[in-house]
Amino acid sequence: MKKHRTWLFAPGNHPRTMEKAMKTQTDIVIYDLEDAVPLDEKEQAREIVREHLQEKHIDKAPYKLLRVNESTSPFFTQDVIAGARGNVDGIVLPKSDHPEHIKDVDQQLAALEQELGYEVGKIQLFPLIESALGVHNSYEIAKASPRVTRLSFGAIDYTSDIQTKLSESGEELLYAQSQLVNSSYAAGIEGPIDTVYADFQNEEGLLRETQRGSRLGFKGKMIIHPKQIEVVHNVYTPGDEEVEEAKEIVNAYQQANEQGDGAIQLNGKMIDVPVVKSAQQTLDLVEALKETDDTKA
C-alpha cells in the first residue's frame, strides 16, 4: 500500500456510489457492509459487492478493502468469505476488541487463501478500534497477526462507549488517539488511520481535525464523501518546502557521514539520526506518490 492518505467508504447496497468511489482520486476504497447497510439489506449488499468486485475494470480501482459486519453478527463469516473470493486487498474489522478475534480471522483467511490458490497472508487485516476495551488492547491487537499492518479509529462508537459526545475541540479523543499511535509504533506496524469527520459540508472543521490527527501521528483519514479527498490529501502530502528541507537534511547528513561525522548542524539546527530518518520518510512518501501517479498515467 503505497498511498494511504484517504480511505473512502462506499455503501455496499449502492452500486452507483461504489462505481463513483472507484473513479475518484481517493487512495483507498472501503466497500462497506456494516454501518452503511440496513439490517434487512445485508445479504443483498454482500451480493452486490461480490458482483462489483468481479467486474473486469475493477483492477483499475484504488486499493480495495471490505468492511465486514462485526464478528458477533450472523453475517460475519459469509462477509469474510465474500471478501476473499472477491480478491480484496484487505478486510476492515469493525469493533475490534480482542487479539484472539484477529487470530481467528487470520486462520480463517489462511484456509480461504489456500482454497483459492492465493499466497497465504495476501489479504491484510485492518482492525477498527471503536471502544474503550479496544483502545486498552490496541497493542495486543496490533501484534496479533502479521496481516495487521495498520490500526484505524472509530470515534463515534468510542465516544458512545465512554459516555461522552464528540466536540469540535476533540479533547475527548486525545487519550484514545494517542494510545493508538503509540501502540502502532510499539508493535512495529505503520501509523494508524484517523476517524471520519461526519460533517462533510464543513471544510474548515475537516481541515482542523485532519491537521490535529496528523500532529498526533496519524498517517491518513477515513472519509465519507469525495469532496473531503482534497482537504485530507493536502494535509498528508508533504509540501514543497518540507520536501526541500528533507532533501537538504538527507544530503547534508550523507556528506557528513562520509567524512566520519555523526551529527551536524544545518541552518542552526542539530541534525542527527532521528531527524534524518524523519526526512527520509518524507522523501519516501513523495516518491511513492509519484510512482503511483506515473502508473495511472
C-alpha atoms as a PDB file:
ATOM      1  CA  MET A   1       0.000   0.000   0.000  1.00  0.00           C
ATOM      2  CA  LYS A   2       1.981   2.972  -1.259  1.00  0.00           C
ATOM      3  CA  LYS A   3      -0.703   5.605  -0.771  1.00  0.00           C
ATOM      4  CA  HIS A   4      -2.739   5.686   2.410  1.00  0.00           C
ATOM      5  CA  ARG A   5      -3.976   9.236   2.944  1.00  0.00           C
ATOM      6  CA  THR A   6      -7.692   8.879   2.181  1.00  0.00           C
ATOM      7  CA  TRP A   7      -9.930   5.873   2.942  1.00  0.00           C
ATOM      8  CA  LEU A   8     -13.319   6.477   1.283  1.00  0.00           C
ATOM      9  CA  PHE A   9     -16.350   4.473   2.416  1.00  0.00           C
ATOM     10  CA  ALA A  10     -18.779   3.274  -0.267  1.00  0.00           C
ATOM     11  CA  PRO A  11     -22.068   1.667   0.883  1.00  0.00           C
ATOM     12  CA  GLY A  12     -22.324  -1.906  -0.344  1.00  0.00           C
ATOM     13  CA  ASN A  13     -26.010  -1.561  -1.153  1.00  0.00           C
ATOM     14  CA  HIS A  14     -25.470   1.331  -3.598  1.00  0.00           C
ATOM     15  CA  PRO A  15     -23.842   0.120  -6.851  1.00  0.00           C
ATOM     16  CA  ARG A  16     -23.646   3.608  -8.385  1.00  0.00           C
ATOM     17  CA  THR A  17     -21.912   5.005  -5.312  1.00  0.00           C
ATOM     18  CA  MET A  18     -19.335   2.215  -5.472  1.00  0.00           C
ATOM     19  CA  GLU A  19     -18.726   2.934  -9.145  1.00  0.00           C
ATOM     20  CA  LYS A  20     -18.249   6.637  -8.415  1.00  0.00           C
ATOM     21  CA  ALA A  21     -15.915   5.931  -5.492  1.00  0.00           C
ATOM     22  CA  MET A  22     -13.740   3.773  -7.716  1.00  0.00           C
ATOM     23  CA  LYS A  23     -13.244   6.673 -10.124  1.00  0.00           C
ATOM     24  CA  THR A  24     -12.277   9.302  -7.535  1.00  0.00           C
ATOM     25  CA  GLN A  25      -8.756  10.299  -6.520  1.00  0.00           C
ATOM     26  CA  THR A  26      -9.039   8.553  -3.160  1.00  0.00           C
ATOM     27  CA  ASP A  27      -6.132   6.329  -2.212  1.00  0.00           C
ATOM     28  CA  ILE A  28      -8.327   3.544  -0.826  1.00  0.00           C
ATOM     29  CA  VAL A  29     -11.965   2.493  -1.276  1.00  0.00           C
ATOM     30  CA  ILE A  30     -13.715   0.679   1.576  1.00  0.00           C
ATOM     31  CA  TYR A  31     -16.761  -1.234   0.362  1.00  0.00           C
ATOM     32  CA  ASP A  32     -18.993  -1.154   3.419  1.00  0.00           C
ATOM     33  CA  LEU A  33     -21.267  -3.974   4.556  1.00  0.00           C
ATOM     34  CA  GLU A  34     -21.626  -2.733   8.129  1.00  0.00           C
ATOM     35  CA  ASP A  35     -22.912   0.658   9.324  1.00  0.00           C
ATOM     36  CA  ALA A  36     -23.965   1.949   5.909  1.00  0.00           C
ATOM     37  CA  VAL A  37     -26.265  -1.005   5.207  1.00  0.00           C
ATOM     38  CA  PRO A  38     -29.681  -1.555   6.898  1.00  0.00           C
ATOM     39  CA  LEU A  39     -30.182  -4.902   8.594  1.00  0.00           C
ATOM     40  CA  ASP A  40     -32.695  -6.164   6.039  1.00  0.00           C
ATOM     41  CA  GLU A  41     -30.307  -5.405   3.142  1.00  0.00           C
ATOM     42  CA  LYS A  42     -27.168  -7.127   4.465  1.00  0.00           C
ATOM     43  CA  GLU A  43     -27.411 -10.244   2.311  1.00  0.00           C
ATOM     44  CA  GLN A  44     -28.286  -8.286  -0.816  1.00  0.00           C
ATOM     45  CA  ALA A  45     -25.442  -5.816  -0.229  1.00  0.00           C
ATOM     46  CA  ARG A  46     -22.928  -8.637   0.053  1.00  0.00           C
ATOM     47  CA  GLU A  47     -24.058  -9.994  -3.312  1.00  0.00           C
ATOM     48  CA  ILE A  48     -23.881  -6.521  -4.894  1.00  0.00           C
ATOM     49  CA  VAL A  49     -20.322  -6.042  -3.645  1.00  0.00           C
ATOM     50  CA  ARG A  50     -19.345  -9.544  -4.811  1.00  0.00           C
ATOM     51  CA  GLU A  51     -20.602  -8.794  -8.317  1.00  0.00           C
ATOM     52  CA  HIS A  52     -18.875  -5.408  -8.314  1.00  0.00           C
ATOM     53  CA  LEU A  53     -15.541  -6.963  -7.351  1.00  0.00           C
ATOM     54  CA  GLN A  54     -15.790  -9.456 -10.208  1.00  0.00           C
ATOM     55  CA  GLU A  55     -16.109  -6.786 -12.898  1.00  0.00           C
ATOM     56  CA  LYS A  56     -13.074  -6.583 -15.176  1.00  0.00           C
ATOM     57  CA  HIS A  57     -12.476  -2.843 -14.789  1.00  0.00           C
ATOM     58  CA  ILE A  58     -12.176  -3.196 -11.001  1.00  0.00           C
ATOM     59  CA  ASP A  59      -8.432  -3.805 -11.403  1.00  0.00           C
ATOM     60  CA  LYS A  60      -8.056  -0.126 -12.265  1.00  0.00           C
ATOM     61  CA  ALA A  61      -9.652   0.903  -8.971  1.00  0.00           C
ATOM     62  CA  PRO A  62      -7.726   2.193  -5.964  1.00  0.00           C
ATOM     63  CA  TYR A  63      -6.620  -0.163  -3.208  1.00  0.00           C
ATOM     64  CA  LYS A  64      -9.756  -2.140  -2.284  1.00  0.00           C
ATOM     65  CA  LEU A  65     -10.906  -3.038   1.217  1.00  0.00           C
ATOM     66  CA  LEU A  66     -14.112  -4.591   2.532  1.00  0.00           C
ATOM     67  CA  ARG A  67     -15.594  -3.609   5.880  1.00  0.00           C
ATOM     68  CA  VAL A  68     -17.428  -6.698   7.094  1.00  0.00           C
ATOM     69  CA  ASN A  69     -20.051  -6.865   9.808  1.00  0.00           C
ATOM     70  CA  GLU A  70     -18.816  -7.350  13.363  1.00  0.00           C
ATOM     71  CA  SER A  71     -17.704 -10.791  14.468  1.00  0.00           C
ATOM     72  CA  THR A  72     -20.744 -11.396  16.700  1.00  0.00           C
ATOM     73  CA  SER A  73     -23.190 -10.871  13.831  1.00  0.00           C
ATOM     74  CA  PRO A  74     -24.700 -13.728  11.773  1.00  0.00           C
ATOM     75  CA  PHE A  75     -23.290 -12.097   8.618  1.00  0.00           C
ATOM     76  CA  PHE A  76     -19.624 -12.078   9.584  1.00  0.00           C
ATOM     77  CA  THR A  77     -18.381 -15.412   8.217  1.00  0.00           C
ATOM     78  CA  GLN A  78     -20.050 -15.043   4.832  1.00  0.00           C
ATOM     79  CA  ASP A  79     -18.794 -11.452   4.597  1.00  0.00           C
ATOM     80  CA  VAL A  80     -15.198 -12.614   5.081  1.00  0.00           C
ATOM     81  CA  ILE A  81     -15.649 -15.378   2.508  1.00  0.00           C
ATOM     82  CA  ALA A  82     -17.105 -12.894   0.015  1.00  0.00           C
ATOM     83  CA  GLY A  83     -14.148 -10.564   0.539  1.00  0.00           C
ATOM     84  CA  ALA A  84     -11.614 -13.329  -0.028  1.00  0.00           C
ATOM     85  CA  ARG A  85     -13.355 -14.624  -3.140  1.00  0.00           C
ATOM     86  CA  GLY A  86     -13.722 -11.068  -4.413  1.00  0.00           C
ATOM     87  CA  ASN A  87      -9.926 -10.712  -4.188  1.00  0.00           C
ATOM     88  CA  VAL A  88      -9.977  -7.618  -1.974  1.00  0.00           C
ATOM     89  CA  ASP A  89      -6.647  -6.296  -0.779  1.00  0.00           C
ATOM     90  CA  GLY A  90      -7.736  -6.293   2.832  1.00  0.00           C
ATOM     91  CA  ILE A  91     -10.581  -6.550   5.325  1.00  0.00           C
ATOM     92  CA  VAL A  92     -11.607  -3.881   7.818  1.00  0.00           C
ATOM     93  CA  LEU A  93     -12.708  -5.489  11.089  1.00  0.00           C
ATOM     94  CA  PRO A  94     -15.164  -3.250  12.962  1.00  0.00           C
ATOM     95  CA  LYS A  95     -15.404  -3.174  16.748  1.00  0.00           C
ATOM     96  CA  SER A  96     -12.086  -4.953  17.219  1.00  0.00           C
ATOM     97  CA  ASP A  97     -11.740  -5.528  20.951  1.00  0.00           C
ATOM     98  CA  HIS A  98      -9.721  -8.726  21.399  1.00  0.00           C
ATOM     99  CA  PRO A  99      -6.475 -10.030  19.839  1.00  0.00           C
ATOM    100  CA  GLU A 100      -7.914 -13.565  19.869  1.00  0.00           C
ATOM    101  CA  HIS A 101     -10.526 -12.459  17.337  1.00  0.00           C
ATOM    102  CA  ILE A 102      -7.788 -11.230  14.982  1.00  0.00           C
ATOM    103  CA  LYS A 103      -6.020 -14.569  15.261  1.00  0.00           C
ATOM    104  CA  ASP A 104      -9.240 -16.436  14.451  1.00  0.00           C
ATOM    105  CA  VAL A 105      -9.803 -14.355  11.310  1.00  0.00           C
ATOM    106  CA  ASP A 106      -6.163 -14.882  10.324  1.00  0.00           C
ATOM    107  CA  GLN A 107      -6.665 -18.657  10.397  1.00  0.00           C
ATOM    108  CA  GLN A 108      -9.949 -18.411   8.502  1.00  0.00           C
ATOM    109  CA  LEU A 109      -8.306 -16.336   5.783  1.00  0.00           C
ATOM    110  CA  ALA A 110      -5.339 -18.700   5.539  1.00  0.00           C
ATOM    111  CA  ALA A 111      -7.715 -21.580   4.783  1.00  0.00           C
ATOM    112  CA  LEU A 112      -9.572 -19.497   2.195  1.00  0.00           C
ATOM    113  CA  GLU A 113      -6.338 -18.375   0.540  1.00  0.00           C
ATOM    114  CA  GLN A 114      -5.160 -21.962   0.203  1.00  0.00           C
ATOM    115  CA  GLU A 115      -8.531 -22.962  -1.235  1.00  0.00           C
ATOM    116  CA  LEU A 116      -8.448 -20.110  -3.765  1.00  0.00           C
ATOM    117  CA  GLY A 117      -4.819 -20.580  -4.728  1.00  0.00           C
ATOM    118  CA  TYR A 118      -3.645 -17.274  -3.252  1.00  0.00           C
ATOM    119  CA  GLU A 119      -0.408 -16.700  -1.423  1.00  0.00           C
ATOM    120  CA  VAL A 120      -1.116 -17.243   2.277  1.00  0.00           C
ATOM    121  CA  GLY A 121      -1.038 -13.880   4.031  1.00  0.00           C
ATOM    122  CA  LYS A 122      -2.021 -11.942   0.908  1.00  0.00           C
ATOM    123  CA  ILE A 123      -5.171 -10.409   2.426  1.00  0.00           C
ATOM    124  CA  GLN A 124      -4.378  -7.788   5.042  1.00  0.00           C
ATOM    125  CA  LEU A 125      -6.398  -7.016   8.177  1.00  0.00           C
ATOM    126  CA  PHE A 126      -7.264  -3.542   9.419  1.00  0.00           C
ATOM    127  CA  PRO A 127      -8.772  -3.618  12.919  1.00  0.00           C
ATOM    128  CA  LEU A 128     -11.122  -0.700  13.551  1.00  0.00           C
ATOM    129  CA  ILE A 129     -10.827   0.324  17.211  1.00  0.00           C
ATOM    130  CA  GLU A 130     -14.154   1.687  18.438  1.00  0.00           C
ATOM    131  CA  SER A 131     -14.351   1.005  22.191  1.00  0.00           C
ATOM    132  CA  ALA A 132     -12.560   1.574  25.478  1.00  0.00           C
ATOM    133  CA  LEU A 133     -11.634  -2.118  25.555  1.00  0.00           C
ATOM    134  CA  GLY A 134     -10.284  -1.934  22.017  1.00  0.00           C
ATOM    135  CA  VAL A 135      -8.105   1.042  22.927  1.00  0.00           C
ATOM    136  CA  HIS A 136      -6.901  -0.789  26.047  1.00  0.00           C
ATOM    137  CA  ASN A 137      -5.991  -3.879  23.980  1.00  0.00           C
ATOM    138  CA  SER A 138      -4.680  -1.987  20.947  1.00  0.00           C
ATOM    139  CA  TYR A 139      -1.048  -3.100  21.301  1.00  0.00           C
ATOM    140  CA  GLU A 140      -2.017  -6.781  21.541  1.00  0.00           C
ATOM    141  CA  ILE A 141      -4.415  -6.342  18.609  1.00  0.00           C
ATOM    142  CA  ALA A 142      -1.635  -4.771  16.533  1.00  0.00           C
ATOM    143  CA  LYS A 143       0.658  -7.701  17.346  1.00  0.00           C
ATOM    144  CA  ALA A 144      -1.965 -10.426  16.860  1.00  0.00           C
ATOM    145  CA  SER A 145      -1.164 -11.230  13.215  1.00  0.00           C
ATOM    146  CA  PRO A 146       1.355 -10.297  10.521  1.00  0.00           C
ATOM    147  CA  ARG A 147      -1.688  -9.394   8.408  1.00  0.00           C
ATOM    148  CA  VAL A 148      -2.300  -6.363  10.643  1.00  0.00           C
ATOM    149  CA  THR A 149      -0.390  -3.507   9.047  1.00  0.00           C
ATOM    150  CA  ARG A 150      -2.431  -0.572  10.407  1.00  0.00           C
ATOM    151  CA  LEU A 151      -4.982   0.188  13.078  1.00  0.00           C
ATOM    152  CA  SER A 152      -7.847   2.620  12.485  1.00  0.00           C
ATOM    153  CA  PHE A 153     -10.032   4.615  14.857  1.00  0.00           C
ATOM    154  CA  GLY A 154     -13.825   4.988  15.062  1.00  0.00           C
ATOM    155  CA  ALA A 155     -14.673   7.970  17.229  1.00  0.00           C
ATOM    156  CA  ILE A 156     -18.472   7.833  17.050  1.00  0.00           C
ATOM    157  CA  ASP A 157     -18.793   4.420  18.701  1.00  0.00           C
ATOM    158  CA  TYR A 158     -15.877   5.174  21.016  1.00  0.00           C
ATOM    159  CA  THR A 159     -17.441   8.322  22.482  1.00  0.00           C
ATOM    160  CA  SER A 160     -20.704   6.450  22.985  1.00  0.00           C
ATOM    161  CA  ASP A 161     -18.809   3.704  24.811  1.00  0.00           C
ATOM    162  CA  ILE A 162     -17.118   6.144  27.206  1.00  0.00           C
ATOM    163  CA  GLN A 163     -20.411   8.029  27.663  1.00  0.00           C
ATOM    164  CA  THR A 164     -19.436  11.378  26.224  1.00  0.00           C
ATOM    165  CA  LYS A 165     -20.043  13.305  22.989  1.00  0.00           C
ATOM    166  CA  LEU A 166     -17.926  14.398  20.065  1.00  0.00           C
ATOM    167  CA  SER A 167     -16.790  18.017  20.183  1.00  0.00           C
ATOM    168  CA  GLU A 168     -15.068  20.356  17.737  1.00  0.00           C
ATOM    169  CA  SER A 169     -12.017  20.538  20.017  1.00  0.00           C
ATOM    170  CA  GLY A 170     -11.655  16.760  20.114  1.00  0.00           C
ATOM    171  CA  GLU A 171     -10.234  16.677  23.640  1.00  0.00           C
ATOM    172  CA  GLU A 172     -12.416  13.655  24.490  1.00  0.00           C
ATOM    173  CA  LEU A 173     -10.481  11.662  21.838  1.00  0.00           C
ATOM    174  CA  LEU A 174      -6.939  12.654  22.770  1.00  0.00           C
ATOM    175  CA  TYR A 175      -6.173   9.679  25.015  1.00  0.00           C
ATOM    176  CA  ALA A 176      -7.541   7.084  22.598  1.00  0.00           C
ATOM    177  CA  GLN A 177      -5.879   8.604  19.539  1.00  0.00           C
ATOM    178  CA  SER A 178      -2.519   8.920  21.282  1.00  0.00           C
ATOM    179  CA  GLN A 179      -2.803   5.349  22.522  1.00  0.00           C
ATOM    180  CA  LEU A 180      -3.427   4.016  19.003  1.00  0.00           C
ATOM    181  CA  VAL A 181      -0.440   5.909  17.643  1.00  0.00           C
ATOM    182  CA  ASN A 182       1.792   4.663  20.449  1.00  0.00           C
ATOM    183  CA  SER A 183       0.521   1.075  20.194  1.00  0.00           C
ATOM    184  CA  SER A 184       1.096   1.034  16.435  1.00  0.00           C
ATOM    185  CA  TYR A 185       4.714   2.083  16.582  1.00  0.00           C
ATOM    186  CA  ALA A 186       5.434  -0.019  19.670  1.00  0.00           C
ATOM    187  CA  ALA A 187       4.109  -3.031  17.748  1.00  0.00           C
ATOM    188  CA  GLY A 188       6.267  -2.199  14.738  1.00  0.00           C
ATOM    189  CA  ILE A 189       3.423  -1.540  12.304  1.00  0.00           C
ATOM    190  CA  GLU A 190       2.618   1.563  10.258  1.00  0.00           C
ATOM    191  CA  GLY A 191       0.926   4.664  11.643  1.00  0.00           C
ATOM    192  CA  PRO A 192      -2.852   4.429  12.231  1.00  0.00           C
ATOM    193  CA  ILE A 193      -5.732   5.923  10.252  1.00  0.00           C
ATOM    194  CA  ASP A 194      -7.933   8.561  11.887  1.00  0.00           C
ATOM    195  CA  THR A 195     -11.697   8.617  12.316  1.00  0.00           C
ATOM    196  CA  VAL A 196     -14.233  10.030   9.871  1.00  0.00           C
ATOM    197  CA  TYR A 197     -15.398  13.650  10.065  1.00  0.00           C
ATOM    198  CA  ALA A 198     -19.147  13.339   9.623  1.00  0.00           C
ATOM    199  CA  ASP A 199     -20.000  16.932   8.628  1.00  0.00           C
ATOM    200  CA  PHE A 200     -18.791  16.703   5.033  1.00  0.00           C
ATOM    201  CA  GLN A 201     -20.076  20.221   4.270  1.00  0.00           C
ATOM    202  CA  ASN A 202     -17.757  21.753   6.902  1.00  0.00           C
ATOM    203  CA  GLU A 203     -14.417  22.060   5.132  1.00  0.00           C
ATOM    204  CA  GLU A 204     -12.832  24.219   7.844  1.00  0.00           C
ATOM    205  CA  GLY A 205     -13.762  21.719  10.540  1.00  0.00           C
ATOM    206  CA  LEU A 206     -12.395  18.854   8.461  1.00  0.00           C
ATOM    207  CA  LEU A 207      -9.144  20.728   7.928  1.00  0.00           C
ATOM    208  CA  ARG A 208      -8.705  21.427  11.652  1.00  0.00           C
ATOM    209  CA  GLU A 209      -9.415  17.837  12.625  1.00  0.00           C
ATOM    210  CA  THR A 210      -7.151  16.399   9.909  1.00  0.00           C
ATOM    211  CA  GLN A 211      -4.274  18.677  10.896  1.00  0.00           C
ATOM    212  CA  ARG A 212      -4.742  17.681  14.514  1.00  0.00           C
ATOM    213  CA  GLY A 213      -4.652  13.993  13.633  1.00  0.00           C
ATOM    214  CA  SER A 214      -1.507  14.490  11.594  1.00  0.00           C
ATOM    215  CA  ARG A 215       0.208  16.235  14.522  1.00  0.00           C
ATOM    216  CA  LEU A 216      -0.729  13.331  16.789  1.00  0.00           C
ATOM    217  CA  GLY A 217       0.931  10.836  14.440  1.00  0.00           C
ATOM    218  CA  PHE A 218      -1.896   9.516  12.266  1.00  0.00           C
ATOM    219  CA  LYS A 219      -0.998   8.809   8.643  1.00  0.00           C
ATOM    220  CA  GLY A 220      -4.357   9.132   6.913  1.00  0.00           C
ATOM    221  CA  LYS A 221      -8.061   9.610   7.473  1.00  0.00           C
ATOM    222  CA  MET A 222     -11.265   7.723   6.752  1.00  0.00           C
ATOM    223  CA  ILE A 223     -13.758   9.827   4.791  1.00  0.00           C
ATOM    224  CA  ILE A 224     -17.415   9.559   3.807  1.00  0.00           C
ATOM    225  CA  HIS A 225     -17.637  11.874   0.777  1.00  0.00           C
ATOM    226  CA  PRO A 226     -15.418  12.538  -2.265  1.00  0.00           C
ATOM    227  CA  LYS A 227     -15.414  16.288  -1.530  1.00  0.00           C
ATOM    228  CA  GLN A 228     -13.280  15.519   1.552  1.00  0.00           C
ATOM    229  CA  ILE A 229     -10.467  13.998  -0.512  1.00  0.00           C
ATOM    230  CA  GLU A 230      -8.621  17.171  -1.470  1.00  0.00           C
ATOM    231  CA  VAL A 231      -8.509  18.585   2.060  1.00  0.00           C
ATOM    232  CA  VAL A 232      -7.127  15.372   3.546  1.00  0.00           C
ATOM    233  CA  HIS A 233      -4.649  14.867   0.712  1.00  0.00           C
ATOM    234  CA  ASN A 234      -3.295  18.386   1.206  1.00  0.00           C
ATOM    235  CA  VAL A 235      -2.625  17.720   4.889  1.00  0.00           C
ATOM    236  CA  TYR A 236      -0.997  14.328   4.401  1.00  0.00           C
ATOM    237  CA  THR A 237       1.034  15.244   1.305  1.00  0.00           C
ATOM    238  CA  PRO A 238       4.404  16.911   2.043  1.00  0.00           C
ATOM    239  CA  GLY A 239       4.597  20.484   0.786  1.00  0.00           C
ATOM    240  CA  ASP A 240       7.379  21.835  -1.435  1.00  0.00           C
ATOM    241  CA  GLU A 241       9.233  23.499   1.460  1.00  0.00           C
ATOM    242  CA  GLU A 242       9.053  20.338   3.548  1.00  0.00           C
ATOM    243  CA  VAL A 243      10.397  18.262   0.671  1.00  0.00           C
ATOM    244  CA  GLU A 244      13.267  20.666   0.006  1.00  0.00           C
ATOM    245  CA  GLU A 245      14.201  20.721   3.680  1.00  0.00           C
ATOM    246  CA  ALA A 246      14.130  16.915   3.777  1.00  0.00           C
ATOM    247  CA  LYS A 247      16.448  16.753   0.773  1.00  0.00           C
ATOM    248  CA  GLU A 248      18.874  19.188   2.433  1.00  0.00           C
ATOM    249  CA  ILE A 249      18.899  17.171   5.635  1.00  0.00           C
ATOM    250  CA  VAL A 250      19.492  13.827   3.938  1.00  0.00           C
ATOM    251  CA  ASN A 251      22.172  15.191   1.617  1.00  0.00           C
ATOM    252  CA  ALA A 252      23.985  17.067   4.391  1.00  0.00           C
ATOM    253  CA  TYR A 253      23.958  14.056   6.668  1.00  0.00           C
ATOM    254  CA  GLN A 254      25.232  11.742   3.938  1.00  0.00           C
ATOM    255  CA  GLN A 255      28.110  14.106   3.215  1.00  0.00           C
ATOM    256  CA  ALA A 256      28.960  14.419   6.911  1.00  0.00           C
ATOM    257  CA  ASN A 257      28.767  10.668   7.370  1.00  0.00           C
ATOM    258  CA  GLU A 258      31.215  10.128   4.538  1.00  0.00           C
ATOM    259  CA  GLN A 259      33.592  12.426   6.404  1.00  0.00           C
ATOM    260  CA  GLY A 260      33.125  10.491   9.647  1.00  0.00           C
ATOM    261  CA  ASP A 261      30.851  12.961  11.457  1.00  0.00           C
ATOM    262  CA  GLY A 262      27.898  11.505  13.392  1.00  0.00           C
ATOM    263  CA  ALA A 263      25.908  14.715  13.892  1.00  0.00           C
ATOM    264  CA  ILE A 264      25.937  18.048  12.103  1.00  0.00           C
ATOM    265  CA  GLN A 265      24.343  21.490  12.169  1.00  0.00           C
ATOM    266  CA  LEU A 266      22.131  22.714   9.341  1.00  0.00           C
ATOM    267  CA  ASN A 267      20.581  26.165   9.314  1.00  0.00           C
ATOM    268  CA  GLY A 268      21.252  26.499  13.024  1.00  0.00           C
ATOM    269  CA  LYS A 269      19.702  23.134  13.977  1.00  0.00           C
ATOM    270  CA  MET A 270      21.325  19.915  15.131  1.00  0.00           C
ATOM    271  CA  ILE A 271      20.828  17.078  12.667  1.00  0.00           C
ATOM    272  CA  ASP A 272      21.176  13.542  13.982  1.00  0.00           C
ATOM    273  CA  VAL A 273      19.843  10.101  13.074  1.00  0.00           C
ATOM    274  CA  PRO A 274      16.181  10.558  14.188  1.00  0.00           C
ATOM    275  CA  VAL A 275      15.935  13.805  12.213  1.00  0.00           C
ATOM    276  CA  VAL A 276      17.430  12.155   9.143  1.00  0.00           C
ATOM    277  CA  LYS A 277      15.076   9.189   9.475  1.00  0.00           C
ATOM    278  CA  SER A 278      12.066  11.507   9.516  1.00  0.00           C
ATOM    279  CA  ALA A 279      13.379  13.401   6.485  1.00  0.00           C
ATOM    280  CA  GLN A 280      13.927  10.161   4.578  1.00  0.00           C
ATOM    281  CA  GLN A 281      10.373   9.043   5.367  1.00  0.00           C
ATOM    282  CA  THR A 282       9.111  12.271   3.828  1.00  0.00           C
ATOM    283  CA  LEU A 283      11.109  11.655   0.649  1.00  0.00           C
ATOM    284  CA  ASP A 284       9.974   8.026   0.516  1.00  0.00           C
ATOM    285  CA  LEU A 285       6.328   9.102   0.689  1.00  0.00           C
ATOM    286  CA  VAL A 286       6.804  11.662  -2.094  1.00  0.00           C
ATOM    287  CA  GLU A 287       8.464   9.039  -4.272  1.00  0.00           C
ATOM    288  CA  ALA A 288       5.659   6.552  -3.602  1.00  0.00           C
ATOM    289  CA  LEU A 289       3.074   9.139  -4.622  1.00  0.00           C
ATOM    290  CA  LYS A 290       4.968   9.872  -7.830  1.00  0.00           C
ATOM    291  CA  GLU A 291       5.299   6.188  -8.704  1.00  0.00           C
ATOM    292  CA  THR A 292       1.578   5.606  -8.304  1.00  0.00           C
ATOM    293  CA  ASP A 293       0.663   8.689 -10.327  1.00  0.00           C
ATOM    294  CA  ASP A 294       3.040   7.646 -13.107  1.00  0.00           C
ATOM    295  CA  THR A 295       1.450   4.187 -13.174  1.00  0.00           C
ATOM    296  CA  LYS A 296      -2.004   5.732 -13.558  1.00  0.00           C
ATOM    297  CA  ALA A 297      -0.799   7.968 -16.361  1.00  0.00           C
END
